[in-house]
């Protein structure tokens, strides 16, 4: 294998040869994503970590590790060498995350800055196990749990645990069957207290009007927040459009708000677009299929709605050009 800072799949040995592999000393990023190394490959890779002294970013997305492979990687001596770990798409289930969480809790010199666990069939039980381990990962900056089954209880548990992470910058909880009200209080507290949180993704959930109204004050009080994803939640998500418009207008750091798939009355859409126009920081306001009629029914976008969308697109283009020239 060629020695380099980034060890890409093209540099890696065939899967059958993983057992004899030594990680190059200068390798800081190892990407084995979409290579079905399986549990045996996971064991061999874990053993190779024992012989590596470098801090390593490890991408094992869709590698079919299984519980055996995760158990091998989750030993403290191996986790302590990782700066980033991506286990997305391995269908670990709660049992696999429990193994990982146990390892995180037993690793005194944990340097992990990124942890990605998308698409692993995690339930509230998995969130509880991970929630107990997260306080041990105080260097964590990015946590991605999208595409699981955490529900409101699991999301609330994760949000509470994340409040103990002083460096957290990005949190993804999209597509987790969160209904809003059950998790909104914990999420609002996290938004208010996380001093470095710059992005939160909650799209593809079931957050309704009540949950949304509880989240708006948290978004408003988040000190350095730049990006909020709320796409494809309840169609009445932005029933409090005026409250969100005030946040869009006045927040000093907010740059992106994603509301795709939500229905807003024309007056609410007008407020949001006007707020976007008045904002000194906003770069992207995504309203996609807005506005609709007063009752949120499907149908043609009203003429005034079409005019608003043209206005919004023009504003967004101006912001993009201005940013490119800055």
Protein backbone atom coordinates (compact mmCIF):
# COMPACT_ATOMS: atom_id res chain seq x y z
CA UNK A 1 0.00 0.00 0.00
CA UNK A 2 1.18 3.50 -0.74
CA UNK A 3 2.08 5.49 2.34
CA UNK A 4 0.19 8.78 2.58
CA UNK A 5 -1.89 11.01 4.77
CA UNK A 6 -5.15 9.64 3.35
CA UNK A 7 -5.50 5.91 2.76
CA UNK A 8 -8.31 5.54 0.24
CA UNK A 9 -10.04 2.31 -0.88
CA UNK A 10 -7.88 2.19 -4.01
CA UNK A 11 -4.81 1.96 -1.77
CA UNK A 12 -6.23 -0.71 0.53
CA UNK A 13 -5.46 -4.40 0.10
CA UNK A 14 -8.10 -6.84 -1.13
CA UNK A 15 -10.56 -7.85 1.57
CA UNK A 16 -9.07 -11.34 1.79
CA UNK A 17 -5.67 -9.79 2.60
CA UNK A 18 -6.82 -7.51 5.41
CA UNK A 19 -5.46 -9.92 7.99
CA UNK A 20 -1.90 -9.15 6.96
CA UNK A 21 -2.31 -5.42 6.77
CA UNK A 22 -0.25 -2.88 8.69
CA UNK A 23 -1.60 0.68 8.79
CA UNK A 24 1.08 3.02 7.38
CA UNK A 25 2.63 5.32 9.97
CA UNK A 26 1.63 8.50 8.11
CA UNK A 27 -1.95 7.40 7.46
CA UNK A 28 -4.35 9.78 9.25
CA UNK A 29 -7.55 8.95 7.33
CA UNK A 30 -8.55 5.42 6.43
CA UNK A 31 -11.61 5.02 4.20
CA UNK A 32 -12.92 1.46 3.76
CA UNK A 33 -16.52 2.50 3.14
CA UNK A 34 -18.69 0.22 0.98
CA UNK A 35 -16.20 -2.64 1.17
CA UNK A 36 -17.82 -5.69 2.76
CA UNK A 37 -14.95 -6.59 5.07
CA UNK A 38 -17.38 -8.31 7.45
CA UNK A 39 -16.70 -9.37 11.05
CA UNK A 40 -13.40 -11.04 10.15
CA UNK A 41 -12.16 -7.89 8.43
CA UNK A 42 -13.24 -5.89 11.47
CA UNK A 43 -11.13 -8.12 13.72
CA UNK A 44 -8.08 -7.84 11.49
CA UNK A 45 -8.46 -4.09 11.20
CA UNK A 46 -8.81 -3.78 14.97
CA UNK A 47 -5.59 -5.76 15.40
CA UNK A 48 -3.86 -3.44 12.92
CA UNK A 49 -4.88 -0.50 15.12
CA UNK A 50 -2.82 -2.00 17.93
CA UNK A 51 0.27 -1.53 15.81
CA UNK A 52 -0.54 2.04 14.80
CA UNK A 53 0.63 5.08 16.73
CA UNK A 54 -1.02 7.77 14.59
CA UNK A 55 -4.35 9.41 15.34
CA UNK A 56 -6.75 7.97 12.76
CA UNK A 57 -10.04 8.92 11.13
CA UNK A 58 -11.77 5.64 10.27
CA UNK A 59 -14.66 5.35 7.79
CA UNK A 60 -16.42 1.96 7.89
CA UNK A 61 -19.73 2.94 6.29
CA UNK A 62 -21.65 -0.09 4.94
CA UNK A 63 -18.92 -2.62 5.68
CA UNK A 64 -21.10 -5.36 7.24
CA UNK A 65 -19.03 -5.39 10.43
CA UNK A 66 -21.56 -7.21 12.59
CA UNK A 67 -21.42 -7.38 16.38
CA UNK A 68 -18.14 -9.28 16.36
CA UNK A 69 -16.37 -6.63 14.31
CA UNK A 70 -17.71 -3.80 16.48
CA UNK A 71 -16.69 -5.61 19.66
CA UNK A 72 -13.13 -5.90 18.35
CA UNK A 73 -12.94 -2.21 17.47
CA UNK A 74 -14.54 -1.06 20.73
CA UNK A 75 -11.62 -1.93 22.99
CA UNK A 76 -10.24 1.14 24.79
CA UNK A 77 -6.72 0.71 23.39
CA UNK A 78 -8.18 0.92 19.88
CA UNK A 79 -10.80 3.61 20.41
CA UNK A 80 -8.11 5.82 21.94
CA UNK A 81 -6.36 6.01 18.56
CA UNK A 82 -9.40 7.33 16.68
CA UNK A 83 -10.20 10.97 15.93
CA UNK A 84 -13.29 10.05 13.89
CA UNK A 85 -15.36 6.88 13.52
CA UNK A 86 -18.08 6.31 10.92
CA UNK A 87 -20.09 3.10 11.37
CA UNK A 88 -23.10 4.23 9.34
CA UNK A 89 -25.15 1.61 7.54
CA UNK A 90 -23.91 -1.40 9.49
CA UNK A 91 -27.28 -2.21 11.10
CA UNK A 92 -25.62 -2.52 14.46
CA UNK A 93 -28.91 -2.37 16.39
CA UNK A 94 -28.99 -1.49 20.07
CA UNK A 95 -26.75 -4.45 20.88
CA UNK A 96 -23.92 -3.16 18.71
CA UNK A 97 -24.20 0.38 20.06
CA UNK A 98 -24.14 -1.02 23.59
CA UNK A 99 -20.78 -2.64 22.79
CA UNK A 100 -19.48 0.63 21.39
CA UNK A 101 -20.85 2.65 24.32
CA UNK A 102 -19.19 0.33 26.82
CA UNK A 103 -15.88 0.83 25.03
CA UNK A 104 -16.28 4.62 25.00
CA UNK A 105 -16.97 4.67 28.72
CA UNK A 106 -13.85 2.58 29.44
CA UNK A 107 -11.48 4.70 27.31
CA UNK A 108 -9.77 7.27 29.54
CA UNK A 109 -7.75 8.93 26.77
CA UNK A 110 -10.60 9.26 24.25
CA UNK A 111 -9.79 11.77 21.48
CA UNK A 112 -12.84 11.13 19.31
CA UNK A 113 -14.05 14.28 17.52
CA UNK A 114 -16.60 12.76 15.14
CA UNK A 115 -19.00 9.84 15.58
CA UNK A 116 -21.37 8.79 12.80
CA UNK A 117 -23.99 6.11 13.48
CA UNK A 118 -26.59 6.69 10.76
CA UNK A 119 -28.85 3.86 9.60
CA UNK A 120 -28.15 1.42 12.40
CA UNK A 121 -31.68 0.59 13.61
CA UNK A 122 -31.17 2.26 16.96
CA UNK A 123 -34.15 2.56 19.31
CA UNK A 124 -34.58 4.52 22.58
CA UNK A 125 -32.64 1.70 24.30
CA UNK A 126 -29.65 2.40 22.07
CA UNK A 127 -30.01 6.11 22.78
CA UNK A 128 -29.92 5.36 26.52
CA UNK A 129 -26.70 3.34 26.17
CA UNK A 130 -25.09 6.02 24.06
CA UNK A 131 -26.34 8.75 26.36
CA UNK A 132 -24.49 7.15 29.27
CA UNK A 133 -21.28 7.06 27.23
CA UNK A 134 -21.31 10.53 25.65
CA UNK A 135 -20.05 12.40 28.73
CA UNK A 136 -16.82 10.41 28.32
CA UNK A 137 -16.40 11.85 24.80
CA UNK A 138 -15.81 15.46 25.79
CA UNK A 139 -13.76 16.15 22.65
CA UNK A 140 -16.72 15.22 20.40
CA UNK A 141 -17.56 17.88 17.81
CA UNK A 142 -19.87 16.03 15.40
CA UNK A 143 -22.55 13.47 16.31
CA UNK A 144 -24.66 11.96 13.52
CA UNK A 145 -27.55 9.66 14.51
CA UNK A 146 -29.80 10.25 11.51
CA UNK A 147 -31.97 7.55 9.98
CA UNK A 148 -32.62 5.55 13.14
CA UNK A 149 -35.69 4.93 15.34
CA UNK A 150 -34.83 6.97 18.40
CA UNK A 151 -38.27 8.53 18.78
CA UNK A 152 -38.89 11.49 21.06
CA UNK A 153 -37.66 9.70 24.18
CA UNK A 154 -34.39 8.70 22.54
CA UNK A 155 -33.86 12.15 21.04
CA UNK A 156 -34.47 13.76 24.42
CA UNK A 157 -31.91 11.42 26.02
CA UNK A 158 -29.31 12.26 23.40
CA UNK A 159 -29.97 16.00 23.66
CA UNK A 160 -29.55 15.85 27.44
CA UNK A 161 -26.27 13.94 27.11
CA UNK A 162 -24.99 16.36 24.46
CA UNK A 163 -25.35 19.22 26.92
CA UNK A 164 -22.23 17.78 28.60
CA UNK A 165 -20.16 18.07 25.39
CA UNK A 166 -18.39 21.44 25.43
CA UNK A 167 -17.05 21.20 21.87
CA UNK A 168 -20.15 19.93 20.04
CA UNK A 169 -20.60 21.76 16.71
CA UNK A 170 -22.97 19.55 14.70
CA UNK A 171 -25.85 17.28 15.75
CA UNK A 172 -27.94 15.26 13.29
CA UNK A 173 -31.17 13.65 14.47
CA UNK A 174 -33.00 13.68 11.13
CA UNK A 175 -35.43 10.86 10.23
CA UNK A 176 -35.83 9.47 13.75
CA UNK A 177 -39.63 9.51 14.27
CA UNK A 178 -39.38 12.44 16.70
CA UNK A 179 -42.83 13.89 17.30
CA UNK A 180 -41.60 17.12 18.80
CA UNK A 181 -43.32 17.81 22.10
CA UNK A 182 -41.60 14.92 23.88
CA UNK A 183 -38.13 16.06 22.85
CA UNK A 184 -38.58 19.80 22.38
CA UNK A 185 -37.73 20.76 25.96
CA UNK A 186 -34.41 18.88 25.92
CA UNK A 187 -33.55 20.11 22.45
CA UNK A 188 -34.36 23.69 23.43
CA UNK A 189 -32.11 23.41 26.48
CA UNK A 190 -29.30 22.04 24.32
CA UNK A 191 -29.66 24.85 21.78
CA UNK A 192 -29.55 27.43 24.55
CA UNK A 193 -26.61 25.93 26.46
CA UNK A 194 -24.32 24.51 23.75
CA UNK A 195 -21.86 27.34 23.32
CA UNK A 196 -20.31 25.99 20.10
CA UNK A 197 -23.29 24.31 18.38
CA UNK A 198 -23.41 25.56 14.80
CA UNK A 199 -25.77 23.11 13.13
CA UNK A 200 -28.73 20.91 14.05
CA UNK A 201 -30.66 18.68 11.64
CA UNK A 202 -34.18 17.60 12.60
CA UNK A 203 -35.68 17.03 9.15
CA UNK A 204 -37.83 14.05 8.26
CA UNK A 205 -39.41 13.71 11.69
CA UNK A 206 -42.93 14.28 13.00
CA UNK A 207 -42.45 17.57 14.79
CA UNK A 208 -45.83 19.29 14.94
CA UNK A 209 -46.91 22.84 15.64
CA UNK A 210 -46.60 22.51 19.42
CA UNK A 211 -43.13 21.04 19.19
CA UNK A 212 -42.10 23.71 16.72
CA UNK A 213 -43.32 26.51 18.99
CA UNK A 214 -41.19 25.11 21.80
CA UNK A 215 -38.11 24.91 19.56
CA UNK A 216 -38.23 28.49 18.29
CA UNK A 217 -37.01 30.08 21.57
CA UNK A 218 -34.12 27.60 21.65
CA UNK A 219 -33.13 28.50 18.10
CA UNK A 220 -33.35 32.19 19.00
CA UNK A 221 -31.10 31.78 22.04
CA UNK A 222 -28.45 29.52 20.44
CA UNK A 223 -25.37 31.76 20.58
CA UNK A 224 -23.47 30.67 17.43
CA UNK A 225 -26.04 28.59 15.51
CA UNK A 226 -25.65 28.79 11.72
CA UNK A 227 -27.85 26.04 10.27
CA UNK A 228 -31.26 24.57 11.22
CA UNK A 229 -32.83 21.70 9.26
CA UNK A 230 -36.58 21.23 9.76
CA UNK A 231 -37.57 19.87 6.35
CA UNK A 232 -40.40 17.36 5.88
CA UNK A 233 -41.90 17.39 9.34
CA UNK A 234 -45.59 18.04 10.05
CA UNK A 235 -47.17 20.03 7.24
CA UNK A 236 -48.27 22.56 9.85
CA UNK A 237 -44.76 22.89 11.21
CA UNK A 238 -44.55 26.60 10.59
CA UNK A 239 -47.92 27.59 12.00
CA UNK A 240 -45.83 29.99 14.10
CA UNK A 241 -44.16 31.49 11.05
CA UNK A 242 -44.07 34.98 12.53
CA UNK A 243 -42.09 33.77 15.55
CA UNK A 244 -39.57 32.07 13.29
CA UNK A 245 -39.44 35.14 11.05
CA UNK A 246 -38.28 37.20 14.01
CA UNK A 247 -35.45 34.70 14.58
CA UNK A 248 -34.47 34.75 10.90
CA UNK A 249 -34.36 38.54 10.97
CA UNK A 250 -32.54 39.08 14.25
CA UNK A 251 -30.25 36.10 14.89
CA UNK A 252 -26.66 37.31 14.51
CA UNK A 253 -25.12 34.09 13.15
CA UNK A 254 -27.94 32.09 11.51
CA UNK A 255 -27.23 31.42 7.82
CA UNK A 256 -29.52 28.57 6.77
CA UNK A 257 -33.07 27.49 7.63
CA UNK A 258 -34.54 24.52 5.76
CA UNK A 259 -38.35 24.33 5.79
CA UNK A 260 -38.93 22.21 2.70
CA UNK A 261 -42.17 20.30 2.70
CA UNK A 262 -43.97 22.56 5.18
CA UNK A 263 -47.11 24.54 4.40
CA UNK A 264 -47.32 28.22 5.29
CA UNK A 265 -50.07 30.71 4.71
CA UNK A 266 -49.23 33.59 2.41
CA UNK A 267 -48.96 36.04 5.33
CA UNK A 268 -46.52 33.77 7.15
CA UNK A 269 -44.44 33.25 4.01
CA UNK A 270 -44.36 37.00 3.46
CA UNK A 271 -43.05 37.45 7.00
CA UNK A 272 -40.32 34.84 6.46
CA UNK A 273 -39.19 36.29 3.14
CA UNK A 274 -39.16 39.82 4.52
CA UNK A 275 -37.14 38.63 7.51
CA UNK A 276 -34.68 36.92 5.17
CA UNK A 277 -34.34 40.17 3.24
CA UNK A 278 -33.68 42.15 6.44
CA UNK A 279 -31.23 39.65 7.91
CA UNK A 280 -27.54 40.49 7.86
CA UNK A 281 -26.39 36.87 8.24
CA UNK A 282 -28.88 34.61 6.39
CA UNK A 283 -27.74 33.02 3.12
CA UNK A 284 -30.32 30.24 2.56
CA UNK A 285 -34.04 30.11 3.38
CA UNK A 286 -35.51 27.03 1.72
CA UNK A 287 -39.31 27.13 1.50
CA UNK A 288 -39.64 24.92 -1.61
CA UNK A 289 -43.41 24.25 -1.93
CA UNK A 290 -44.62 27.36 -0.10
CA UNK A 291 -46.97 29.01 0.44
CA UNK A 292 -50.26 27.11 0.31
CA UNK A 293 -53.82 27.93 1.21
CA UNK A 294 -55.03 28.77 4.69
CA UNK A 295 -55.98 25.18 5.47
CA UNK A 296 -52.75 23.70 4.12
CA UNK A 297 -54.51 21.82 1.29
CA UNK A 298 -52.58 20.66 -1.69
CA UNK A 299 -53.16 22.54 -4.87
CA UNK A 300 -51.67 25.23 -7.07
CA UNK A 301 -49.46 27.83 -5.45
CA UNK A 302 -51.40 31.12 -5.36
CA UNK A 303 -50.20 33.95 -7.59
CA UNK A 304 -48.91 35.90 -4.57
CA UNK A 305 -47.09 32.77 -3.48
CA UNK A 306 -45.37 32.40 -6.83
CA UNK A 307 -44.30 36.03 -6.66
CA UNK A 308 -42.87 35.45 -3.19
CA UNK A 309 -40.88 32.46 -4.38
CA UNK A 310 -39.40 34.48 -7.25
CA UNK A 311 -38.51 37.21 -4.79
CA UNK A 312 -36.90 34.70 -2.45
CA UNK A 313 -34.89 33.10 -5.23
CA UNK A 314 -33.68 36.51 -6.38
CA UNK A 315 -32.61 37.42 -2.86
CA UNK A 316 -30.82 34.08 -2.43
CA UNK A 317 -28.96 34.59 -5.73
CA UNK A 318 -27.89 38.07 -4.63
CA UNK A 319 -26.59 36.70 -1.33
CA UNK A 320 -24.65 34.00 -3.16
CA UNK A 321 -23.04 36.51 -5.51
CA UNK A 322 -22.20 38.79 -2.60
CA UNK A 323 -20.63 35.92 -0.68
CA UNK A 324 -18.53 34.95 -3.70
CA UNK A 325 -17.19 38.46 -4.02
CA UNK A 326 -16.41 38.86 -0.35
